Protein backbone atom coordinates (compact mmCIF):
# COMPACT_ATOMS: atom_id res chain seq x y z
CA MET A 1 -20.16 8.86 -22.10
CA GLU A 2 -18.63 8.11 -25.51
CA ALA A 3 -16.39 5.11 -26.08
CA GLY A 4 -13.26 7.27 -26.33
CA ASP A 5 -14.11 9.11 -23.13
CA GLY A 6 -14.78 5.81 -21.36
CA ASP A 7 -11.43 4.39 -22.43
CA ALA A 8 -9.64 7.54 -21.29
CA ALA A 9 -11.44 7.42 -17.94
CA LEU A 10 -10.48 3.76 -17.44
CA SER A 11 -6.87 4.52 -18.38
CA GLY A 12 -6.85 7.36 -15.87
CA LEU A 13 -8.22 5.08 -13.17
CA ALA A 14 -5.60 2.43 -13.97
CA ILE A 15 -2.73 4.92 -13.80
CA ARG A 16 -4.06 6.55 -10.63
CA THR A 17 -4.48 3.17 -8.93
CA PHE A 18 -1.05 1.95 -9.95
CA LEU A 19 0.73 5.10 -8.77
CA THR A 20 -1.28 5.34 -5.56
CA MET A 21 -0.61 1.77 -4.51
CA LEU A 22 3.03 2.01 -5.64
CA VAL A 23 3.55 5.03 -3.38
CA VAL A 24 1.70 3.53 -0.43
CA ILE A 25 3.16 0.01 -0.55
CA ASP A 26 6.61 1.38 -1.55
CA PRO A 27 8.39 -1.79 -2.80
CA ILE A 28 11.85 -0.21 -2.42
CA GLY A 29 11.04 0.80 1.13
CA LEU A 30 10.29 -2.86 1.93
CA VAL A 31 13.89 -3.86 1.23
CA PRO A 32 15.64 -2.67 4.43
CA MET A 33 12.83 -4.02 6.62
CA PHE A 34 12.90 -7.40 4.87
CA LEU A 35 16.69 -7.60 5.22
CA ALA A 36 16.46 -6.73 8.91
CA LEU A 37 13.91 -9.49 9.49
CA ALA A 38 15.10 -12.21 7.13
CA GLY A 39 18.56 -11.16 5.92
CA ASP A 40 20.31 -13.83 8.01
CA ARG A 41 18.25 -16.68 6.55
CA PRO A 42 19.25 -18.88 3.57
CA ALA A 43 18.29 -17.57 0.12
CA ALA A 44 15.74 -20.35 -0.45
CA GLU A 45 13.99 -19.59 2.82
CA GLN A 46 13.99 -15.86 2.05
CA ARG A 47 12.18 -16.60 -1.21
CA ARG A 48 9.60 -18.73 0.62
CA VAL A 49 9.05 -16.02 3.24
CA ALA A 50 8.70 -13.36 0.53
CA LEU A 51 6.13 -15.42 -1.39
CA ARG A 52 4.04 -16.19 1.69
CA ALA A 53 4.14 -12.57 2.77
CA ILE A 54 2.96 -11.28 -0.61
CA LEU A 55 0.21 -13.93 -0.91
CA THR A 56 -1.04 -13.14 2.58
CA ALA A 57 -0.95 -9.38 1.95
CA SER A 58 -2.84 -9.95 -1.32
CA GLY A 59 -5.52 -11.92 0.50
CA ILE A 60 -5.91 -9.16 3.09
CA LEU A 61 -6.20 -6.42 0.49
CA ILE A 62 -8.61 -8.41 -1.69
CA SER A 63 -10.78 -9.11 1.36
CA PHE A 64 -11.03 -5.41 2.13
CA GLY A 65 -11.50 -4.61 -1.56
CA VAL A 66 -14.41 -7.03 -1.87
CA GLY A 67 -16.02 -6.55 1.55
CA GLY A 68 -14.96 -3.01 2.42
CA SER A 69 -18.03 -1.33 0.95
CA TRP A 70 -20.32 -3.73 2.81
CA LEU A 71 -18.45 -3.03 6.05
CA LEU A 72 -18.74 0.74 5.59
CA GLY A 73 -22.44 0.31 4.88
CA ARG A 74 -22.98 -1.76 8.02
CA LEU A 75 -21.20 0.92 10.06
CA GLU A 76 -23.11 3.68 8.25
CA ILE A 77 -19.89 5.38 7.19
CA SER A 78 -20.01 7.29 3.91
CA LEU A 79 -17.23 6.99 1.34
CA ASP A 80 -16.56 10.73 1.70
CA ALA A 81 -16.06 10.36 5.45
CA PHE A 82 -13.71 7.46 4.79
CA ARG A 83 -11.81 9.61 2.27
CA VAL A 84 -11.23 12.27 4.93
CA ALA A 85 -10.15 9.70 7.53
CA GLY A 86 -7.96 7.85 5.05
CA GLY A 87 -6.42 11.09 3.83
CA LEU A 88 -5.49 12.17 7.37
CA LEU A 89 -3.97 8.76 8.04
CA LEU A 90 -1.99 8.84 4.79
CA PHE A 91 -0.78 12.38 5.51
CA ARG A 92 0.62 11.25 8.87
CA ILE A 93 2.42 8.38 7.15
CA ALA A 94 3.71 10.74 4.45
CA VAL A 95 5.20 13.13 7.02
CA GLN A 96 7.02 10.21 8.66
CA MET A 97 8.32 9.10 5.25
CA VAL A 98 9.59 12.58 4.36
CA PHE A 99 11.50 12.85 7.63
CA ALA A 100 12.82 9.27 7.25
CA SER A 101 11.16 8.10 10.47
CA TYR A 102 8.55 5.90 8.84
CA GLU A 103 7.91 2.75 10.86
CA ARG A 104 5.25 0.29 9.76
CA GLU A 105 5.30 -1.57 13.04
CA THR A 106 5.63 -0.59 16.69
CA LYS A 107 8.65 -1.39 18.88
CA ALA A 108 6.67 -4.13 20.64
CA GLU A 109 5.82 -5.66 17.27
CA LYS A 110 9.48 -5.55 16.24
CA ASP A 111 10.53 -7.31 19.42
CA GLU A 112 7.90 -10.00 18.92
CA SER A 113 8.83 -10.48 15.26
CA ARG A 114 12.44 -11.24 16.18
CA ALA A 115 11.26 -14.05 18.43
CA ARG A 116 8.91 -15.56 15.85
CA GLN A 117 10.03 -18.31 13.48
CA ASP A 118 7.57 -17.39 10.72
CA ILE A 119 7.67 -13.67 9.95
CA SER A 120 5.80 -13.85 6.64
CA VAL A 121 2.31 -13.15 8.07
CA PHE A 122 3.34 -10.86 10.91
CA PRO A 123 4.95 -8.41 10.60
CA LEU A 124 5.72 -8.68 6.85
CA ALA A 125 2.25 -9.18 5.34
CA ILE A 126 0.57 -6.99 7.95
CA PRO A 127 1.33 -4.27 8.87
CA ILE A 128 4.42 -3.80 6.67
CA ILE A 129 2.91 -4.58 3.22
CA ALA A 130 -0.85 -4.50 3.74
CA GLY A 131 -0.83 -1.74 6.32
CA PRO A 132 -3.57 0.77 7.19
CA GLY A 133 -2.46 3.12 4.42
CA ALA A 134 -2.67 0.46 1.72
CA ILE A 135 -6.05 -0.75 2.98
CA ALA A 136 -7.49 2.77 3.15
CA SER A 137 -6.17 3.68 -0.31
CA LEU A 138 -7.56 0.50 -1.86
CA MET A 139 -11.01 1.00 -0.36
CA ILE A 140 -11.14 4.61 -1.58
CA LEU A 141 -10.10 3.54 -5.09
CA ILE A 142 -12.67 0.72 -5.06
CA GLY A 143 -15.32 3.31 -4.17
CA GLU A 144 -14.25 5.49 -7.09
CA SER A 145 -14.20 2.53 -9.47
CA ARG A 146 -17.95 2.07 -9.26
CA ALA A 147 -18.38 4.83 -11.82
CA TYR A 148 -16.53 2.79 -14.46
CA PRO A 149 -17.38 -0.49 -16.20
CA LEU A 150 -14.93 -3.15 -15.01
CA GLY A 151 -13.41 -0.51 -12.72
CA PHE A 152 -13.39 -2.88 -9.75
CA VAL A 153 -11.43 -5.52 -11.66
CA LEU A 154 -9.03 -2.88 -12.96
CA VAL A 155 -8.26 -1.57 -9.46
CA LEU A 156 -7.53 -5.09 -8.19
CA ALA A 157 -5.39 -5.83 -11.25
CA MET A 158 -3.27 -2.70 -10.80
CA THR A 159 -2.89 -3.48 -7.10
CA GLY A 160 -1.80 -6.98 -8.05
CA ILE A 161 0.91 -5.58 -10.34
CA VAL A 162 2.25 -3.43 -7.50
CA LEU A 163 2.28 -6.44 -5.19
CA MET A 164 4.22 -8.37 -7.84
CA LEU A 165 6.77 -5.54 -7.90
CA GLY A 166 6.91 -5.80 -4.11
CA HIS A 167 7.57 -9.53 -4.41
CA LEU A 168 10.34 -8.88 -6.91
CA ALA A 169 11.90 -6.28 -4.58
CA LEU A 170 11.90 -8.79 -1.72
CA ILE A 171 13.47 -11.52 -3.86
CA ILE A 172 16.32 -9.28 -4.98
CA SER A 173 16.49 -7.32 -1.72
CA GLU A 174 20.17 -7.96 -1.07
CA PRO A 175 21.39 -6.57 -4.44
CA ILE A 176 19.01 -3.60 -4.10
CA GLY A 177 20.24 -2.95 -0.56
CA ARG A 178 23.87 -3.00 -1.69
CA LEU A 179 23.14 -0.80 -4.73
CA LEU A 180 21.13 1.91 -3.02
CA GLY A 181 22.46 1.75 0.50
CA ARG A 182 20.54 3.21 3.42
CA THR A 183 20.86 6.73 2.00
CA GLY A 184 19.46 5.73 -1.37
CA VAL A 185 16.48 3.99 0.21
CA ASN A 186 15.82 7.10 2.31
CA VAL A 187 15.91 9.31 -0.78
CA VAL A 188 13.39 7.13 -2.60
CA THR A 189 11.18 6.98 0.50
CA ARG A 190 11.26 10.76 0.93
CA VAL A 191 10.27 11.40 -2.69
CA LEU A 192 7.40 8.93 -2.37
CA GLY A 193 6.44 10.59 0.91
CA ILE A 194 6.03 13.96 -0.79
CA LEU A 195 3.80 12.39 -3.45
CA LEU A 196 1.82 10.59 -0.76
CA ALA A 197 1.30 13.86 1.15
CA ALA A 198 -0.16 15.49 -1.95
CA LEU A 199 -2.40 12.49 -2.54
CA ALA A 200 -3.58 12.61 1.09
CA VAL A 201 -4.49 16.28 0.80
CA GLN A 202 -6.48 15.49 -2.36
CA TYR A 203 -8.36 12.71 -0.56
CA VAL A 204 -9.27 15.07 2.28
CA ALA A 205 -10.33 17.83 -0.12
CA ASP A 206 -12.53 15.44 -2.15
CA GLY A 207 -14.05 14.01 1.03
CA VAL A 208 -14.85 17.41 2.57
CA ARG A 209 -16.33 18.60 -0.73
CA GLY A 210 -18.54 15.50 -0.82
CA LEU A 211 -19.63 15.79 2.82
CA PHE A 212 -20.78 19.38 2.46
CA ARG A 213 -22.14 19.19 -1.07
């Protein structure tokens, strides 16, 4: 591979990672959930909760990014099989997003979260930010990054940028909520859901092709 081709491939990986994680984590979609959980708290406490949630979610994603391949190897699960499983999971999430019924936590989890003093770890960090879709997407991208020099670092860096955008969205959640309203948030979520559905189909297609190659 020539230097120019290598740079183009790395750029493609960076863009693909950024867009994939942006769609899956959906910083704008975090706003109404954050306001529902922490909107009645003082601004300073909201900032502390947002920071703890993002740091915890980052730790979870990095852990799966670093140790995910080892875990798949221990379980004797191929990356192609994981692509198919991850694609099916993402497609289910995408359908819920398109029909504006996307919930990142169950009713029981919601009820528990209302009774908890610290909501930064649960349910904000997991499953709202670092949910199954984000974890599956990151592990698939990490698997693809092996073909590129410094690909692993690049995937984590792009994921970090998306998490920073998520942090920013949480910090300014009240102005965003007022600006977009519930309808605006639903429109953004539906558009991202369509993109996520297409991405999920591509994951499944690539995985099936690899399994039967």
